[in-house]
All heavy atoms as atom14 arrays in JSON, in Angstrom:
{
  "sequence": "AITNFQVVTFYFYPAEDGRNVRIVADPPLPGLRIDNRLRVQQGACTG",
  "atom14_mask": [
    [1, 1, 1, 1, 1, 0, 0, 0, 0, 0, 0, 0, 0, 0],
    [1, 1, 1, 1, 1, 1, 1, 1, 0, 0, 0, 0, 0, 0],
    [1, 1, 1, 1, 1, 1, 1, 0, 0, 0, 0, 0, 0, 0],
    [1, 1, 1, 1, 1, 1, 1, 1, 0, 0, 0, 0, 0, 0],
    [1, 1, 1, 1, 1, 1, 1, 1, 1, 1, 1, 0, 0, 0],
    [1, 1, 1, 1, 1, 1, 1, 1, 1, 0, 0, 0, 0, 0],
    [1, 1, 1, 1, 1, 1, 1, 0, 0, 0, 0, 0, 0, 0],
    [1, 1, 1, 1, 1, 1, 1, 0, 0, 0, 0, 0, 0, 0],
    [1, 1, 1, 1, 1, 1, 1, 0, 0, 0, 0, 0, 0, 0],
    [1, 1, 1, 1, 1, 1, 1, 1, 1, 1, 1, 0, 0, 0],
    [1, 1, 1, 1, 1, 1, 1, 1, 1, 1, 1, 1, 0, 0],
    [1, 1, 1, 1, 1, 1, 1, 1, 1, 1, 1, 0, 0, 0],
    [1, 1, 1, 1, 1, 1, 1, 1, 1, 1, 1, 1, 0, 0],
    [1, 1, 1, 1, 1, 1, 1, 0, 0, 0, 0, 0, 0, 0],
    [1, 1, 1, 1, 1, 0, 0, 0, 0, 0, 0, 0, 0, 0],
    [1, 1, 1, 1, 1, 1, 1, 1, 1, 0, 0, 0, 0, 0],
    [1, 1, 1, 1, 1, 1, 1, 1, 0, 0, 0, 0, 0, 0],
    [1, 1, 1, 1, 0, 0, 0, 0, 0, 0, 0, 0, 0, 0],
    [1, 1, 1, 1, 1, 1, 1, 1, 1, 1, 1, 0, 0, 0],
    [1, 1, 1, 1, 1, 1, 1, 1, 0, 0, 0, 0, 0, 0],
    [1, 1, 1, 1, 1, 1, 1, 0, 0, 0, 0, 0, 0, 0],
    [1, 1, 1, 1, 1, 1, 1, 1, 1, 1, 1, 0, 0, 0],
    [1, 1, 1, 1, 1, 1, 1, 1, 0, 0, 0, 0, 0, 0],
    [1, 1, 1, 1, 1, 1, 1, 0, 0, 0, 0, 0, 0, 0],
    [1, 1, 1, 1, 1, 0, 0, 0, 0, 0, 0, 0, 0, 0],
    [1, 1, 1, 1, 1, 1, 1, 1, 0, 0, 0, 0, 0, 0],
    [1, 1, 1, 1, 1, 1, 1, 0, 0, 0, 0, 0, 0, 0],
    [1, 1, 1, 1, 1, 1, 1, 0, 0, 0, 0, 0, 0, 0],
    [1, 1, 1, 1, 1, 1, 1, 1, 0, 0, 0, 0, 0, 0],
    [1, 1, 1, 1, 1, 1, 1, 0, 0, 0, 0, 0, 0, 0],
    [1, 1, 1, 1, 0, 0, 0, 0, 0, 0, 0, 0, 0, 0],
    [1, 1, 1, 1, 1, 1, 1, 1, 0, 0, 0, 0, 0, 0],
    [1, 1, 1, 1, 1, 1, 1, 1, 1, 1, 1, 0, 0, 0],
    [1, 1, 1, 1, 1, 1, 1, 1, 0, 0, 0, 0, 0, 0],
    [1, 1, 1, 1, 1, 1, 1, 1, 0, 0, 0, 0, 0, 0],
    [1, 1, 1, 1, 1, 1, 1, 1, 0, 0, 0, 0, 0, 0],
    [1, 1, 1, 1, 1, 1, 1, 1, 1, 1, 1, 0, 0, 0],
    [1, 1, 1, 1, 1, 1, 1, 1, 0, 0, 0, 0, 0, 0],
    [1, 1, 1, 1, 1, 1, 1, 1, 1, 1, 1, 0, 0, 0],
    [1, 1, 1, 1, 1, 1, 1, 0, 0, 0, 0, 0, 0, 0],
    [1, 1, 1, 1, 1, 1, 1, 1, 1, 0, 0, 0, 0, 0],
    [1, 1, 1, 1, 1, 1, 1, 1, 1, 0, 0, 0, 0, 0],
    [1, 1, 1, 1, 0, 0, 0, 0, 0, 0, 0, 0, 0, 0],
    [1, 1, 1, 1, 1, 0, 0, 0, 0, 0, 0, 0, 0, 0],
    [1, 1, 1, 1, 1, 1, 0, 0, 0, 0, 0, 0, 0, 0],
    [1, 1, 1, 1, 1, 1, 1, 0, 0, 0, 0, 0, 0, 0],
    [1, 1, 1, 1, 0, 0, 0, 0, 0, 0, 0, 0, 0, 0]
  ],
  "atom14_positions": [
    [[0.83, -1.21, 0.0], [0.0, 0.0, 0.0], [0.86, 1.26, 0.0], [0.53, 2.25, 0.63], [-0.94, 0.0, 1.2], [0.0, 0.0, 0.0], [0.0, 0.0, 0.0], [0.0, 0.0, 0.0], [0.0, 0.0, 0.0], [0.0, 0.0, 0.0], [0.0, 0.0, 0.0], [0.0, 0.0, 0.0], [0.0, 0.0, 0.0], [0.0, 0.0, 0.0]],
    [[1.96, 1.23, -0.72], [2.84, 2.4, -0.77], [2.26, 3.44, -1.73], [1.61, 3.1, -2.72], [4.26, 1.99, -1.21], [5.29, 3.05, -0.82], [4.32, 1.68, -2.7], [6.72, 2.59, -0.92], [0.0, 0.0, 0.0], [0.0, 0.0, 0.0], [0.0, 0.0, 0.0], [0.0, 0.0, 0.0], [0.0, 0.0, 0.0], [0.0, 0.0, 0.0]],
    [[2.46, 4.72, -1.41], [2.0, 5.8, -2.28], [3.1, 6.84, -2.45], [3.88, 7.1, -1.53], [0.74, 6.5, -1.71], [1.0, 6.93, -0.37], [-0.45, 5.56, -1.7], [0.0, 0.0, 0.0], [0.0, 0.0, 0.0], [0.0, 0.0, 0.0], [0.0, 0.0, 0.0], [0.0, 0.0, 0.0], [0.0, 0.0, 0.0], [0.0, 0.0, 0.0]],
    [[3.14, 7.42, -3.65], [4.01, 8.58, -3.91], [5.47, 8.31, -3.59], [6.2, 9.22, -3.2], [3.5, 9.79, -3.13], [3.81, 11.1, -3.82], [3.67, 11.22, -5.02], [4.25, 12.08, -3.05], [0.0, 0.0, 0.0], [0.0, 0.0, 0.0], [0.0, 0.0, 0.0], [0.0, 0.0, 0.0], [0.0, 0.0, 0.0], [0.0, 0.0, 0.0]],
    [[5.88, 7.05, -3.75], [7.26, 6.63, -3.48], [7.67, 6.87, -2.03], [8.84, 6.77, -1.69], [8.25, 7.32, -4.42], [7.91, 7.21, -5.87], [7.63, 8.34, -6.61], [7.86, 5.97, -6.49], [7.29, 8.24, -7.96], [7.52, 5.86, -7.84], [7.24, 7.01, -8.57], [0.0, 0.0, 0.0], [0.0, 0.0, 0.0], [0.0, 0.0, 0.0]],
    [[6.71, 7.23, -1.17], [6.95, 7.48, 0.25], [7.92, 8.65, 0.48], [8.65, 8.66, 1.47], [7.47, 6.21, 0.93], [7.25, 6.13, 2.44], [7.82, 4.86, 3.04], [7.62, 3.77, 2.52], [8.55, 5.0, 4.12], [0.0, 0.0, 0.0], [0.0, 0.0, 0.0], [0.0, 0.0, 0.0], [0.0, 0.0, 0.0], [0.0, 0.0, 0.0]],
    [[7.91, 9.63, -0.42], [8.87, 10.72, -0.3], [8.17, 12.07, -0.22], [7.04, 12.25, -0.68], [9.87, 10.74, -1.48], [10.67, 9.45, -1.54], [9.17, 11.01, -2.8], [0.0, 0.0, 0.0], [0.0, 0.0, 0.0], [0.0, 0.0, 0.0], [0.0, 0.0, 0.0], [0.0, 0.0, 0.0], [0.0, 0.0, 0.0], [0.0, 0.0, 0.0]],
    [[8.88, 13.01, 0.38], [8.49, 14.42, 0.42], [9.66, 15.23, -0.11], [10.83, 14.95, 0.21], [8.15, 14.87, 1.86], [7.97, 16.38, 1.93], [6.89, 14.16, 2.36], [0.0, 0.0, 0.0], [0.0, 0.0, 0.0], [0.0, 0.0, 0.0], [0.0, 0.0, 0.0], [0.0, 0.0, 0.0], [0.0, 0.0, 0.0], [0.0, 0.0, 0.0]],
    [[9.36, 16.22, -0.95], [10.38, 17.15, -1.42], [10.31, 18.41, -0.58], [9.24, 19.02, -0.45], [10.19, 17.49, -2.9], [10.31, 16.29, -3.67], [11.26, 18.48, -3.36], [0.0, 0.0, 0.0], [0.0, 0.0, 0.0], [0.0, 0.0, 0.0], [0.0, 0.0, 0.0], [0.0, 0.0, 0.0], [0.0, 0.0, 0.0], [0.0, 0.0, 0.0]],
    [[11.44, 18.77, 0.01], [11.52, 19.96, 0.85], [12.23, 21.07, 0.08], [13.29, 20.86, -0.53], [12.28, 19.65, 2.14], [11.63, 18.59, 2.98], [12.03, 17.26, 2.88], [10.62, 18.91, 3.87], [11.43, 16.27, 3.64], [10.01, 17.93, 4.64], [10.41, 16.6, 4.53], [0.0, 0.0, 0.0], [0.0, 0.0, 0.0], [0.0, 0.0, 0.0]],
    [[11.64, 22.26, 0.12], [12.2, 23.43, -0.56], [12.69, 24.42, 0.5], [11.98, 24.71, 1.47], [11.13, 24.1, -1.43], [10.66, 23.23, -2.58], [9.69, 22.25, -2.38], [11.2, 23.39, -3.86], [9.26, 21.45, -3.43], [10.78, 22.59, -4.91], [9.81, 21.63, -4.7], [9.38, 20.83, -5.73], [0.0, 0.0, 0.0], [0.0, 0.0, 0.0]],
    [[13.91, 24.94, 0.29], [14.53, 25.83, 1.26], [14.75, 27.21, 0.64], [15.26, 27.32, -0.47], [15.88, 25.26, 1.72], [15.78, 23.88, 2.3], [15.83, 22.76, 1.48], [15.6, 23.7, 3.66], [15.73, 21.48, 2.01], [15.5, 22.42, 4.2], [15.56, 21.31, 3.37], [0.0, 0.0, 0.0], [0.0, 0.0, 0.0], [0.0, 0.0, 0.0]],
    [[14.36, 28.25, 1.4], [14.51, 29.63, 0.95], [15.01, 30.48, 2.12], [14.57, 30.29, 3.26], [13.16, 30.22, 0.5], [12.44, 29.41, -0.54], [11.51, 28.43, -0.15], [12.66, 29.62, -1.9], [10.83, 27.69, -1.09], [11.97, 28.88, -2.85], [11.06, 27.91, -2.45], [10.39, 27.18, -3.39], [0.0, 0.0, 0.0], [0.0, 0.0, 0.0]],
    [[15.92, 31.43, 1.85], [16.3, 32.38, 2.92], [15.08, 33.21, 3.33], [14.35, 33.71, 2.46], [17.37, 33.26, 2.26], [17.83, 32.5, 1.06], [16.67, 31.68, 0.61], [0.0, 0.0, 0.0], [0.0, 0.0, 0.0], [0.0, 0.0, 0.0], [0.0, 0.0, 0.0], [0.0, 0.0, 0.0], [0.0, 0.0, 0.0], [0.0, 0.0, 0.0]],
    [[14.85, 33.33, 4.6], [13.72, 34.13, 5.09], [14.02, 35.61, 4.93], [15.19, 36.02, 4.8], [13.41, 33.79, 6.54], [0.0, 0.0, 0.0], [0.0, 0.0, 0.0], [0.0, 0.0, 0.0], [0.0, 0.0, 0.0], [0.0, 0.0, 0.0], [0.0, 0.0, 0.0], [0.0, 0.0, 0.0], [0.0, 0.0, 0.0], [0.0, 0.0, 0.0]],
    [[12.97, 36.41, 4.96], [13.13, 37.84, 4.75], [13.95, 38.51, 5.84], [14.55, 39.57, 5.62], [11.76, 38.5, 4.64], [10.98, 38.1, 3.4], [9.64, 38.79, 3.31], [9.32, 39.56, 4.25], [8.91, 38.57, 2.33], [0.0, 0.0, 0.0], [0.0, 0.0, 0.0], [0.0, 0.0, 0.0], [0.0, 0.0, 0.0], [0.0, 0.0, 0.0]],
    [[14.0, 37.89, 7.03], [14.75, 38.53, 8.13], [16.26, 38.36, 7.99], [17.04, 38.91, 8.78], [14.27, 38.0, 9.48], [14.51, 36.5, 9.65], [15.23, 35.89, 8.82], [13.95, 35.93, 10.61], [0.0, 0.0, 0.0], [0.0, 0.0, 0.0], [0.0, 0.0, 0.0], [0.0, 0.0, 0.0], [0.0, 0.0, 0.0], [0.0, 0.0, 0.0]],
    [[16.7, 37.55, 6.98], [18.12, 37.38, 6.75], [18.82, 36.45, 7.71], [20.02, 36.21, 7.58], [0.0, 0.0, 0.0], [0.0, 0.0, 0.0], [0.0, 0.0, 0.0], [0.0, 0.0, 0.0], [0.0, 0.0, 0.0], [0.0, 0.0, 0.0], [0.0, 0.0, 0.0], [0.0, 0.0, 0.0], [0.0, 0.0, 0.0], [0.0, 0.0, 0.0]],
    [[18.08, 35.9, 8.69], [18.68, 35.0, 9.68], [18.15, 33.58, 9.58], [18.89, 32.61, 9.78], [18.42, 35.53, 11.1], [19.02, 36.88, 11.39], [18.83, 37.26, 12.86], [17.43, 37.21, 13.27], [16.55, 38.19, 13.08], [16.93, 39.31, 12.47], [15.3, 38.09, 13.51], [0.0, 0.0, 0.0], [0.0, 0.0, 0.0], [0.0, 0.0, 0.0]],
    [[16.88, 33.44, 9.31], [16.24, 32.14, 9.32], [16.05, 31.59, 7.91], [16.3, 32.28, 6.91], [14.89, 32.24, 10.04], [15.05, 32.6, 11.5], [15.72, 31.9, 12.25], [14.47, 33.73, 11.9], [0.0, 0.0, 0.0], [0.0, 0.0, 0.0], [0.0, 0.0, 0.0], [0.0, 0.0, 0.0], [0.0, 0.0, 0.0], [0.0, 0.0, 0.0]],
    [[15.59, 30.34, 7.85], [15.35, 29.65, 6.58], [13.91, 29.18, 6.55], [13.41, 28.6, 7.51], [16.3, 28.44, 6.42], [16.02, 27.72, 5.1], [17.76, 28.88, 6.5], [0.0, 0.0, 0.0], [0.0, 0.0, 0.0], [0.0, 0.0, 0.0], [0.0, 0.0, 0.0], [0.0, 0.0, 0.0], [0.0, 0.0, 0.0], [0.0, 0.0, 0.0]],
    [[13.26, 29.47, 5.45], [11.88, 29.03, 5.27], [11.89, 27.68, 4.56], [12.58, 27.5, 3.56], [11.1, 30.07, 4.44], [9.62, 29.77, 4.28], [8.88, 30.99, 3.73], [9.38, 31.38, 2.41], [8.84, 30.95, 1.26], [7.82, 30.09, 1.29], [9.33, 31.36, 0.1], [0.0, 0.0, 0.0], [0.0, 0.0, 0.0], [0.0, 0.0, 0.0]],
    [[11.08, 26.73, 5.09], [11.01, 25.38, 4.52], [9.58, 25.11, 4.08], [8.64, 25.3, 4.84], [11.46, 24.31, 5.54], [12.87, 24.61, 6.05], [11.4, 22.92, 4.91], [13.34, 23.65, 7.14], [0.0, 0.0, 0.0], [0.0, 0.0, 0.0], [0.0, 0.0, 0.0], [0.0, 0.0, 0.0], [0.0, 0.0, 0.0], [0.0, 0.0, 0.0]],
    [[9.44, 24.64, 2.85], [8.13, 24.27, 2.31], [8.19, 22.79, 1.92], [9.11, 22.37, 1.21], [7.76, 25.12, 1.08], [6.41, 24.69, 0.51], [7.75, 26.6, 1.45], [0.0, 0.0, 0.0], [0.0, 0.0, 0.0], [0.0, 0.0, 0.0], [0.0, 0.0, 0.0], [0.0, 0.0, 0.0], [0.0, 0.0, 0.0], [0.0, 0.0, 0.0]],
    [[7.21, 22.01, 2.39], [7.15, 20.58, 2.09], [6.12, 20.3, 1.01], [5.03, 20.87, 1.01], [6.8, 19.8, 3.36], [0.0, 0.0, 0.0], [0.0, 0.0, 0.0], [0.0, 0.0, 0.0], [0.0, 0.0, 0.0], [0.0, 0.0, 0.0], [0.0, 0.0, 0.0], [0.0, 0.0, 0.0], [0.0, 0.0, 0.0], [0.0, 0.0, 0.0]],
    [[6.45, 19.41, 0.09], [5.53, 19.0, -0.97], [5.61, 17.49, -1.14], [6.64, 16.97, -1.53], [5.89, 19.7, -2.28], [4.91, 19.36, -3.4], [3.76, 19.01, -3.11], [5.32, 19.45, -4.58], [0.0, 0.0, 0.0], [0.0, 0.0, 0.0], [0.0, 0.0, 0.0], [0.0, 0.0, 0.0], [0.0, 0.0, 0.0], [0.0, 0.0, 0.0]],
    [[4.5, 16.77, -0.82], [3.22, 17.28, -0.33], [3.31, 17.65, 1.15], [4.1, 17.05, 1.89], [2.27, 16.1, -0.55], [3.14, 14.89, -0.46], [4.46, 15.3, -1.06], [0.0, 0.0, 0.0], [0.0, 0.0, 0.0], [0.0, 0.0, 0.0], [0.0, 0.0, 0.0], [0.0, 0.0, 0.0], [0.0, 0.0, 0.0], [0.0, 0.0, 0.0]],
    [[2.47, 18.59, 1.59], [2.49, 19.01, 3.0], [1.67, 18.05, 3.86], [0.53, 18.33, 4.22], [1.85, 20.41, 2.94], [0.92, 20.34, 1.77], [1.54, 19.42, 0.78], [0.0, 0.0, 0.0], [0.0, 0.0, 0.0], [0.0, 0.0, 0.0], [0.0, 0.0, 0.0], [0.0, 0.0, 0.0], [0.0, 0.0, 0.0], [0.0, 0.0, 0.0]],
    [[2.25, 16.92, 4.2], [1.53, 15.91, 4.97], [1.13, 16.49, 6.34], [1.98, 16.99, 7.08], [2.4, 14.67, 5.16], [2.92, 14.02, 3.87], [3.81, 12.84, 4.2], [1.78, 13.6, 2.96], [0.0, 0.0, 0.0], [0.0, 0.0, 0.0], [0.0, 0.0, 0.0], [0.0, 0.0, 0.0], [0.0, 0.0, 0.0], [0.0, 0.0, 0.0]],
    [[-0.15, 16.42, 6.69], [-0.6, 17.12, 7.91], [0.0, 16.59, 9.2], [0.16, 17.34, 10.17], [-2.13, 16.93, 7.89], [-2.37, 15.79, 6.96], [-1.27, 15.81, 5.95], [0.0, 0.0, 0.0], [0.0, 0.0, 0.0], [0.0, 0.0, 0.0], [0.0, 0.0, 0.0], [0.0, 0.0, 0.0], [0.0, 0.0, 0.0], [0.0, 0.0, 0.0]],
    [[0.36, 15.31, 9.24], [0.9, 14.75, 10.48], [2.41, 14.75, 10.55], [2.99, 14.2, 11.5], [0.0, 0.0, 0.0], [0.0, 0.0, 0.0], [0.0, 0.0, 0.0], [0.0, 0.0, 0.0], [0.0, 0.0, 0.0], [0.0, 0.0, 0.0], [0.0, 0.0, 0.0], [0.0, 0.0, 0.0], [0.0, 0.0, 0.0], [0.0, 0.0, 0.0]],
    [[3.08, 15.35, 9.57], [4.54, 15.39, 9.57], [5.01, 16.73, 10.12], [4.74, 17.79, 9.55], [5.07, 15.21, 8.14], [6.59, 15.17, 8.01], [7.17, 13.92, 8.67], [7.01, 15.25, 6.54], [0.0, 0.0, 0.0], [0.0, 0.0, 0.0], [0.0, 0.0, 0.0], [0.0, 0.0, 0.0], [0.0, 0.0, 0.0], [0.0, 0.0, 0.0]],
    [[5.69, 16.7, 11.26], [6.21, 17.91, 11.89], [7.59, 18.24, 11.34], [8.41, 17.35, 11.09], [6.31, 17.74, 13.4], [4.97, 17.59, 14.1], [5.17, 17.48, 15.61], [5.87, 18.63, 16.17], [7.11, 18.59, 16.65], [7.79, 17.47, 16.67], [7.67, 19.7, 17.14], [0.0, 0.0, 0.0], [0.0, 0.0, 0.0], [0.0, 0.0, 0.0]],
    [[7.85, 19.53, 11.15], [9.16, 19.99, 10.7], [9.81, 20.79, 11.83], [9.28, 21.82, 12.26], [9.05, 20.86, 9.43], [8.48, 20.02, 8.27], [10.41, 21.44, 9.06], [8.28, 20.82, 7.0], [0.0, 0.0, 0.0], [0.0, 0.0, 0.0], [0.0, 0.0, 0.0], [0.0, 0.0, 0.0], [0.0, 0.0, 0.0], [0.0, 0.0, 0.0]],
    [[10.92, 20.28, 12.32], [11.71, 20.98, 13.33], [12.83, 21.72, 12.6], [13.84, 21.12, 12.19], [12.27, 19.97, 14.33], [13.04, 20.62, 15.47], [13.28, 21.85, 15.41], [13.42, 19.91, 16.42], [0.0, 0.0, 0.0], [0.0, 0.0, 0.0], [0.0, 0.0, 0.0], [0.0, 0.0, 0.0], [0.0, 0.0, 0.0], [0.0, 0.0, 0.0]],
    [[12.66, 23.02, 12.42], [13.57, 23.82, 11.61], [14.62, 24.51, 12.49], [14.32, 25.48, 13.19], [12.77, 24.86, 10.82], [13.64, 25.71, 9.91], [14.86, 25.55, 9.86], [13.02, 26.62, 9.2], [0.0, 0.0, 0.0], [0.0, 0.0, 0.0], [0.0, 0.0, 0.0], [0.0, 0.0, 0.0], [0.0, 0.0, 0.0], [0.0, 0.0, 0.0]],
    [[15.84, 24.0, 12.46], [16.94, 24.58, 13.24], [17.96, 25.27, 12.34], [19.07, 25.6, 12.79], [17.62, 23.48, 14.06], [16.66, 22.7, 14.95], [17.37, 21.56, 15.66], [16.42, 20.71, 16.4], [16.75, 19.59, 17.05], [18.02, 19.2, 17.06], [15.83, 18.88, 17.69], [0.0, 0.0, 0.0], [0.0, 0.0, 0.0], [0.0, 0.0, 0.0]],
    [[17.62, 25.46, 11.07], [18.54, 26.06, 10.12], [18.72, 27.55, 10.35], [17.77, 28.24, 10.76], [18.03, 25.83, 8.69], [18.19, 24.43, 8.11], [17.36, 24.3, 6.84], [19.65, 24.12, 7.84], [0.0, 0.0, 0.0], [0.0, 0.0, 0.0], [0.0, 0.0, 0.0], [0.0, 0.0, 0.0], [0.0, 0.0, 0.0], [0.0, 0.0, 0.0]],
    [[19.89, 28.02, 10.04], [20.18, 29.44, 10.08], [20.93, 29.83, 8.81], [21.69, 29.04, 8.25], [21.03, 29.8, 11.31], [20.3, 29.63, 12.63], [19.14, 30.62, 12.77], [18.42, 30.45, 14.03], [17.34, 29.72, 14.17], [16.85, 29.05, 13.12], [16.74, 29.63, 15.33], [0.0, 0.0, 0.0], [0.0, 0.0, 0.0], [0.0, 0.0, 0.0]],
    [[20.69, 31.06, 8.36], [21.37, 31.57, 7.17], [22.8, 31.96, 7.52], [23.06, 32.55, 8.57], [20.61, 32.78, 6.59], [21.43, 33.47, 5.5], [19.26, 32.34, 6.03], [0.0, 0.0, 0.0], [0.0, 0.0, 0.0], [0.0, 0.0, 0.0], [0.0, 0.0, 0.0], [0.0, 0.0, 0.0], [0.0, 0.0, 0.0], [0.0, 0.0, 0.0]],
    [[23.71, 31.63, 6.63], [25.11, 32.02, 6.76], [25.55, 32.68, 5.48], [25.27, 32.19, 4.38], [25.99, 30.8, 7.04], [27.47, 31.11, 7.17], [28.27, 29.89, 7.57], [28.12, 29.38, 8.68], [29.09, 29.4, 6.66], [0.0, 0.0, 0.0], [0.0, 0.0, 0.0], [0.0, 0.0, 0.0], [0.0, 0.0, 0.0], [0.0, 0.0, 0.0]],
    [[26.24, 33.78, 5.56], [26.69, 34.48, 4.37], [27.63, 33.6, 3.55], [28.56, 32.99, 4.09], [27.42, 35.78, 4.76], [26.53, 36.81, 5.42], [25.4, 37.24, 4.5], [25.63, 37.54, 3.32], [24.18, 37.28, 5.03], [0.0, 0.0, 0.0], [0.0, 0.0, 0.0], [0.0, 0.0, 0.0], [0.0, 0.0, 0.0], [0.0, 0.0, 0.0]],
    [[27.35, 33.52, 2.26], [28.22, 32.72, 1.42], [27.56, 32.31, 0.12], [26.36, 32.52, -0.09], [0.0, 0.0, 0.0], [0.0, 0.0, 0.0], [0.0, 0.0, 0.0], [0.0, 0.0, 0.0], [0.0, 0.0, 0.0], [0.0, 0.0, 0.0], [0.0, 0.0, 0.0], [0.0, 0.0, 0.0], [0.0, 0.0, 0.0], [0.0, 0.0, 0.0]],
    [[28.39, 31.73, -0.78], [27.91, 31.28, -2.08], [27.08, 30.01, -1.93], [27.18, 29.28, -0.94], [29.11, 31.03, -3.0], [0.0, 0.0, 0.0], [0.0, 0.0, 0.0], [0.0, 0.0, 0.0], [0.0, 0.0, 0.0], [0.0, 0.0, 0.0], [0.0, 0.0, 0.0], [0.0, 0.0, 0.0], [0.0, 0.0, 0.0], [0.0, 0.0, 0.0]],
    [[26.26, 29.77, -2.94], [25.36, 28.61, -2.92], [26.11, 27.36, -3.34], [25.95, 26.84, -4.45], [24.16, 28.86, -3.83], [22.85, 27.64, -3.65], [0.0, 0.0, 0.0], [0.0, 0.0, 0.0], [0.0, 0.0, 0.0], [0.0, 0.0, 0.0], [0.0, 0.0, 0.0], [0.0, 0.0, 0.0], [0.0, 0.0, 0.0], [0.0, 0.0, 0.0]],
    [[26.97, 26.86, -2.45], [27.8, 25.69, -2.72], [27.83, 24.81, -1.48], [27.25, 25.14, -0.45], [29.24, 26.09, -3.08], [29.79, 26.86, -2.0], [29.28, 26.92, -4.36], [0.0, 0.0, 0.0], [0.0, 0.0, 0.0], [0.0, 0.0, 0.0], [0.0, 0.0, 0.0], [0.0, 0.0, 0.0], [0.0, 0.0, 0.0], [0.0, 0.0, 0.0]],
    [[28.52, 23.69, -1.59], [28.69, 22.8, -0.45], [27.73, 21.64, -0.46], [26.66, 21.68, -1.07], [0.0, 0.0, 0.0], [0.0, 0.0, 0.0], [0.0, 0.0, 0.0], [0.0, 0.0, 0.0], [0.0, 0.0, 0.0], [0.0, 0.0, 0.0], [0.0, 0.0, 0.0], [0.0, 0.0, 0.0], [0.0, 0.0, 0.0], [0.0, 0.0, 0.0]]
  ]
}
């Protein structure tokens, strides 16, 4: 009874405050909690 390959795609964006990171889940499963401990660090989009 598997659906959707059992995966969620998470999208990451720098928040407007310049310190935090906004995370969007697709699909946004209602019972899946996201504990967001990410912080923005100055630098190129590498790594």
